[in-house]
C-alpha atoms as a PDB file:
ATOM      1  CA  MET A   1      55.971  14.250 -21.378  1.00  0.00           C
ATOM      2  CA  ALA A   2      56.717  16.277 -18.061  1.00  0.00           C
ATOM      3  CA  ASN A   3      53.788  16.026 -16.191  1.00  0.00           C
ATOM      4  CA  ASN A   4      53.146  17.335 -12.463  1.00  0.00           C
ATOM      5  CA  ARG A   5      50.318  15.948 -11.772  1.00  0.00           C
ATOM      6  CA  LYS A   6      50.457  13.822  -8.637  1.00  0.00           C
ATOM      7  CA  GLY A   7      49.584  10.147  -9.463  1.00  0.00           C
ATOM      8  CA  PHE A   8      48.976  11.189 -13.616  1.00  0.00           C
ATOM      9  CA  SER A   9      52.321  10.925 -14.888  1.00  0.00           C
ATOM     10  CA  ASP A  10      51.828   8.252 -17.040  1.00  0.00           C
ATOM     11  CA  LEU A  11      48.441  10.014 -18.338  1.00  0.00           C
ATOM     12  CA  PRO A  12      49.404  12.453 -22.043  1.00  0.00           C
ATOM     13  CA  GLU A  13      49.374  16.368 -21.530  1.00  0.00           C
ATOM     14  CA  LYS A  14      45.871  18.299 -22.106  1.00  0.00           C
ATOM     15  CA  ASP A  15      45.965  17.723 -25.883  1.00  0.00           C
ATOM     16  CA  GLU A  16      47.587  14.803 -26.707  1.00  0.00           C
ATOM     17  CA  VAL A  17      46.012  12.215 -28.006  1.00  0.00           C
ATOM     18  CA  ILE A  18      46.532   8.656 -26.537  1.00  0.00           C
ATOM     19  CA  GLN A  19      45.232   5.009 -27.498  1.00  0.00           C
ATOM     20  CA  LEU A  20      44.319   2.211 -25.948  1.00  0.00           C
ATOM     21  CA  THR A  21      44.116  -1.326 -26.346  1.00  0.00           C
ATOM     22  CA  GLU A  22      40.788  -3.250 -24.915  1.00  0.00           C
ATOM     23  CA  SER A  23      43.025  -4.950 -22.304  1.00  0.00           C
ATOM     24  CA  GLN A  24      44.688  -1.164 -20.816  1.00  0.00           C
ATOM     25  CA  LEU A  25      40.801  -0.018 -21.254  1.00  0.00           C
ATOM     26  CA  GLN A  26      39.219  -2.645 -19.373  1.00  0.00           C
ATOM     27  CA  THR A  27      41.675  -2.600 -16.794  1.00  0.00           C
ATOM     28  CA  MET A  28      41.542   1.024 -16.492  1.00  0.00           C
ATOM     29  CA  ILE A  29      37.798   0.189 -16.266  1.00  0.00           C
ATOM     30  CA  ALA A  30      38.505  -2.016 -13.246  1.00  0.00           C
ATOM     31  CA  SER A  31      40.556   0.156 -11.139  1.00  0.00           C
ATOM     32  CA  ALA A  32      37.942   2.821 -10.979  1.00  0.00           C
ATOM     33  CA  VAL A  33      34.971   0.628 -10.575  1.00  0.00           C
ATOM     34  CA  SER A  34      37.458  -0.809  -7.670  1.00  0.00           C
ATOM     35  CA  ALA A  35      38.193   3.306  -6.191  1.00  0.00           C
ATOM     36  CA  ALA A  36      34.742   3.679  -6.121  1.00  0.00           C
ATOM     37  CA  LEU A  37      33.834   0.907  -4.629  1.00  0.00           C
ATOM     38  CA  GLN A  38      36.518   1.413  -1.663  1.00  0.00           C
ATOM     39  CA  ALA A  39      34.638   4.434  -1.397  1.00  0.00           C
ATOM     40  CA  ALA A  40      31.404   3.448  -1.231  1.00  0.00           C
ATOM     41  CA  PRO A  41      31.462   2.086   2.510  1.00  0.00           C
ATOM     42  CA  ALA A  42      32.551   6.237   3.791  1.00  0.00           C
ATOM     43  CA  LYS A  43      30.138   7.624   1.774  1.00  0.00           C
ATOM     44  CA  ALA A  44      27.105   5.313   3.291  1.00  0.00           C
ATOM     45  CA  ALA A  45      28.971   5.849   7.011  1.00  0.00           C
ATOM     46  CA  SER A  46      28.467   9.671   6.426  1.00  0.00           C
ATOM     47  CA  GLN A  47      24.744   8.952   5.208  1.00  0.00           C
ATOM     48  CA  THR A  48      24.097   6.719   8.131  1.00  0.00           C
ATOM     49  CA  VAL A  49      25.540   9.904  10.620  1.00  0.00           C
ATOM     50  CA  VAL A  50      23.012  12.212   9.207  1.00  0.00           C
ATOM     51  CA  THR A  51      20.221   9.525   8.752  1.00  0.00           C
ATOM     52  CA  GLN A  52      20.504   8.603  12.771  1.00  0.00           C
ATOM     53  CA  SER A  53      20.624  12.604  13.474  1.00  0.00           C
ATOM     54  CA  ASN A  54      16.951  12.696  11.671  1.00  0.00           C
ATOM     55  CA  THR A  55      15.920   9.852  13.953  1.00  0.00           C
ATOM     56  CA  PRO A  56      14.157  12.168  16.588  1.00  0.00           C
ATOM     57  CA  SER A  57      12.408  14.422  14.125  1.00  0.00           C
ATOM     58  CA  ARG A  58      10.836  11.298  12.542  1.00  0.00           C
ATOM     59  CA  ILE A  59      10.080   9.687  15.302  1.00  0.00           C
ATOM     60  CA  LYS A  60       7.794  13.037  16.346  1.00  0.00           C
ATOM     61  CA  ILE A  61       6.424  13.166  13.265  1.00  0.00           C
ATOM     62  CA  GLU A  62       5.375   9.602  13.719  1.00  0.00           C
ATOM     63  CA  GLU A  63       4.076  10.598  17.508  1.00  0.00           C
ATOM     64  CA  ASP A  64       1.950  13.607  15.899  1.00  0.00           C
ATOM     65  CA  PHE A  65       0.498  11.524  13.511  1.00  0.00           C
ATOM     66  CA  ASN A  66      -0.450   8.804  15.468  1.00  0.00           C
ATOM     67  CA  ARG A  67      -1.938  11.051  18.182  1.00  0.00           C
ATOM     68  CA  LYS A  68      -3.820  12.606  15.458  1.00  0.00           C
ATOM     69  CA  MET A  69      -5.347   9.401  13.836  1.00  0.00           C
ATOM     70  CA  MET A  70      -6.494   8.179  17.681  1.00  0.00           C
ATOM     71  CA  GLU A  71      -8.250  11.879  18.199  1.00  0.00           C
ATOM     72  CA  ASN A  72      -9.826  11.312  14.209  1.00  0.00           C
ATOM     73  CA  ASN A  73     -10.935   7.655  15.932  1.00  0.00           C
ATOM     74  CA  ASN A  74     -12.179   9.301  18.995  1.00  0.00           C
ATOM     75  CA  LEU A  75     -14.594  11.144  16.883  1.00  0.00           C
ATOM     76  CA  ALA A  76     -16.062   9.066  14.800  1.00  0.00           C
ATOM     77  CA  VAL A  77     -16.361   6.836  17.792  1.00  0.00           C
ATOM     78  CA  ARG A  78     -18.526   9.801  19.164  1.00  0.00           C
ATOM     79  CA  ILE A  79     -20.295  10.668  16.123  1.00  0.00           C
ATOM     80  CA  SER A  80     -21.645   7.391  15.606  1.00  0.00           C
ATOM     81  CA  GLN A  81     -22.476   6.981  19.376  1.00  0.00           C
ATOM     82  CA  GLU A  82     -24.627  10.610  18.849  1.00  0.00           C
ATOM     83  CA  GLU A  83     -28.474  11.021  19.145  1.00  0.00           C
ATOM     84  CA  THR A  84     -29.818  10.848  15.761  1.00  0.00           C
ATOM     85  CA  VAL A  85     -33.281  11.826  14.722  1.00  0.00           C
ATOM     86  CA  LEU A  86     -35.629  11.212  11.719  1.00  0.00           C
ATOM     87  CA  TYR A  87     -35.769  14.160   9.483  1.00  0.00           C
ATOM     88  CA  ALA A  88     -36.878  14.717   4.992  1.00  0.00           C
ATOM     89  CA  ILE A  89     -36.271  18.439   3.735  1.00  0.00           C
ATOM     90  CA  PRO A  90     -39.326  18.243   1.384  1.00  0.00           C
ATOM     91  CA  GLN A  91     -39.273  17.800  -2.096  1.00  0.00           C
ATOM     92  CA  ILE A  92     -40.825  21.744  -2.564  1.00  0.00           C
ATOM     93  CA  TYR A  93     -37.588  22.814  -1.764  1.00  0.00           C
ATOM     94  CA  GLY A  94     -35.908  20.602  -4.455  1.00  0.00           C
ATOM     95  CA  GLN A  95     -36.578  23.627  -6.850  1.00  0.00           C
ATOM     96  CA  TYR A  96     -34.471  25.868  -5.018  1.00  0.00           C
ATOM     97  CA  THR A  97     -31.502  23.447  -3.803  1.00  0.00           C
ATOM     98  CA  GLY A  98     -31.086  19.844  -4.817  1.00  0.00           C
ATOM     99  CA  GLU A  99     -29.604  18.970  -1.549  1.00  0.00           C
ATOM    100  CA  VAL A 100     -28.805  20.336   1.847  1.00  0.00           C
ATOM    101  CA  ILE A 101     -25.638  20.209   2.957  1.00  0.00           C
ATOM    102  CA  ALA A 102     -24.577  20.683   6.537  1.00  0.00           C
ATOM    103  CA  SER A 103     -21.242  21.309   8.107  1.00  0.00           C
ATOM    104  CA  VAL A 104     -20.826  21.130  12.411  1.00  0.00           C
ATOM    105  CA  ASN A 105     -16.854  21.385  13.738  1.00  0.00           C
ATOM    106  CA  GLY A 106     -15.672  20.556   9.953  1.00  0.00           C
ATOM    107  CA  GLN A 107     -18.447  16.932   9.804  1.00  0.00           C
ATOM    108  CA  THR A 108     -20.398  17.562   7.136  1.00  0.00           C
ATOM    109  CA  ILE A 109     -23.660  15.611   5.995  1.00  0.00           C
ATOM    110  CA  LYS A 110     -26.174  16.397   2.528  1.00  0.00           C
ATOM    111  CA  ILE A 111     -29.196  15.493   2.413  1.00  0.00           C
ATOM    112  CA  PRO A 112     -31.399  15.548  -0.435  1.00  0.00           C
ATOM    113  CA  ALA A 113     -35.050  17.045  -0.924  1.00  0.00           C
ATOM    114  CA  ASP A 114     -36.476  14.430  -1.656  1.00  0.00           C
ATOM    115  CA  GLY A 115     -39.081  14.463   0.958  1.00  0.00           C
ATOM    116  CA  VAL A 116     -37.185  11.020   2.431  1.00  0.00           C
ATOM    117  CA  GLN A 117     -36.687  10.887   6.344  1.00  0.00           C
ATOM    118  CA  ARG A 118     -33.192  10.096   7.008  1.00  0.00           C
ATOM    119  CA  ARG A 119     -31.212   9.523  10.213  1.00  0.00           C
ATOM    120  CA  ILE A 120     -29.111  12.471  11.150  1.00  0.00           C
ATOM    121  CA  PRO A 121     -27.327  13.952  14.224  1.00  0.00           C
ATOM    122  CA  LYS A 122     -29.278  16.027  16.476  1.00  0.00           C
ATOM    123  CA  ARG A 123     -26.836  18.943  16.323  1.00  0.00           C
ATOM    124  CA  TYR A 124     -27.207  19.523  12.651  1.00  0.00           C
ATOM    125  CA  VAL A 125     -31.509  20.126  12.967  1.00  0.00           C
ATOM    126  CA  PRO A 126     -30.837  23.629  14.012  1.00  0.00           C
ATOM    127  CA  ILE A 127     -28.371  24.345  11.421  1.00  0.00           C
ATOM    128  CA  ILE A 128     -30.465  22.739   8.609  1.00  0.00           C
ATOM    129  CA  ALA A 129     -34.088  23.946   9.759  1.00  0.00           C
ATOM    130  CA  GLN A 130     -32.092  28.012   9.708  1.00  0.00           C
ATOM    131  CA  TYR A 131     -31.257  27.202   6.143  1.00  0.00           C
ATOM    132  CA  LEU A 132     -34.882  26.129   5.182  1.00  0.00           C
ATOM    133  CA  ALA A 133     -36.122  28.949   6.176  1.00  0.00           C
ATOM    134  CA  ASN A 134     -33.965  31.715   5.012  1.00  0.00           C
ATOM    135  CA  ILE A 135     -35.338  29.961   1.308  1.00  0.00           C
ATOM    136  CA  ASP A 136     -38.443  30.218   2.750  1.00  0.00           C
ATOM    137  CA  ALA A 137     -37.824  34.291   3.595  1.00  0.00           C
ATOM    138  CA  LYS A 138     -36.047  34.160  -0.331  1.00  0.00           C
ATOM    139  CA  VAL A 139     -39.235  33.036  -1.858  1.00  0.00           C
ATOM    140  CA  ALA A 140     -41.786  35.340   0.131  1.00  0.00           C
ATOM    141  CA  ALA A 141     -39.423  38.156  -0.932  1.00  0.00           C
ATOM    142  CA  MET A 142     -40.121  36.794  -4.818  1.00  0.00           C
ATOM    143  CA  GLN A 143     -43.495  36.148  -4.675  1.00  0.00           C
ATOM    144  CA  ALA A 144     -44.527  39.762  -3.228  1.00  0.00           C
ATOM    145  CA  THR A 145     -42.957  41.188  -6.362  1.00  0.00           C
ATOM    146  CA  THR A 146     -45.946  42.033  -8.554  1.00  0.00           C
ATOM    147  CA  GLY A 147     -44.135  43.057 -11.745  1.00  0.00           C
ATOM    148  CA  GLN A 148     -44.431  46.803 -11.645  1.00  0.00           C
ATOM    149  CA  TYR A 149     -40.952  49.030 -11.311  1.00  0.00           C
ATOM    150  CA  GLY A 150     -39.371  46.455 -13.135  1.00  0.00           C
ATOM    151  CA  GLY A 151     -40.340  43.744 -11.771  1.00  0.00           C
ATOM    152  CA  VAL A 152     -38.669  44.803  -8.196  1.00  0.00           C
ATOM    153  CA  ALA A 153     -42.138  45.506  -5.365  1.00  0.00           C
ATOM    154  CA  GLN A 154     -42.274  48.916  -3.913  1.00  0.00           C
ATOM    155  CA  LEU A 155     -42.015  48.596  -0.280  1.00  0.00           C
ATOM    156  CA  GLU A 156     -43.929  49.882   2.651  1.00  0.00           C
ATOM    157  CA  GLY A 157     -43.320  54.042   3.155  1.00  0.00           C
ATOM    158  CA  GLY A 158     -42.734  53.951  -0.859  1.00  0.00           C
ATOM    159  CA  ALA A 159     -38.702  53.257  -0.562  1.00  0.00           C
ATOM    160  CA  LEU A 160     -37.514  50.830  -3.146  1.00  0.00           C
END
């Protein structure tokens, strides 16, 4: 059997069939496992270098995360210390909106239209009042319709 492959002189050619005894198979497996274990530390060392090169970016990510968490905590403290007022949305608005949702700088509150007074931050009051004024204007426009002209009221000056 002529074989030019380095270190594989005892292996058969490409199409030859070989038979191994159980002890030969165990020896072959043991040598493969041993070679893999000896190669593992070298591979781990190269991975360690990669991990160490990523360490500065990981530290930056953690610093950014911690800074944002502190900002959020500070915002929560400011909101809890903010001046509040008692505010109620009359039940009559319940048929037009189940609840009023108001948002200021990403902070959102929901107030049900049930007539119950609730303590809310003062900065939300103008937003809620404007929303209720818009509902009032729509209700007034609907009440101005007389059913004439297919349900649309004729506006002043004869224009539709």
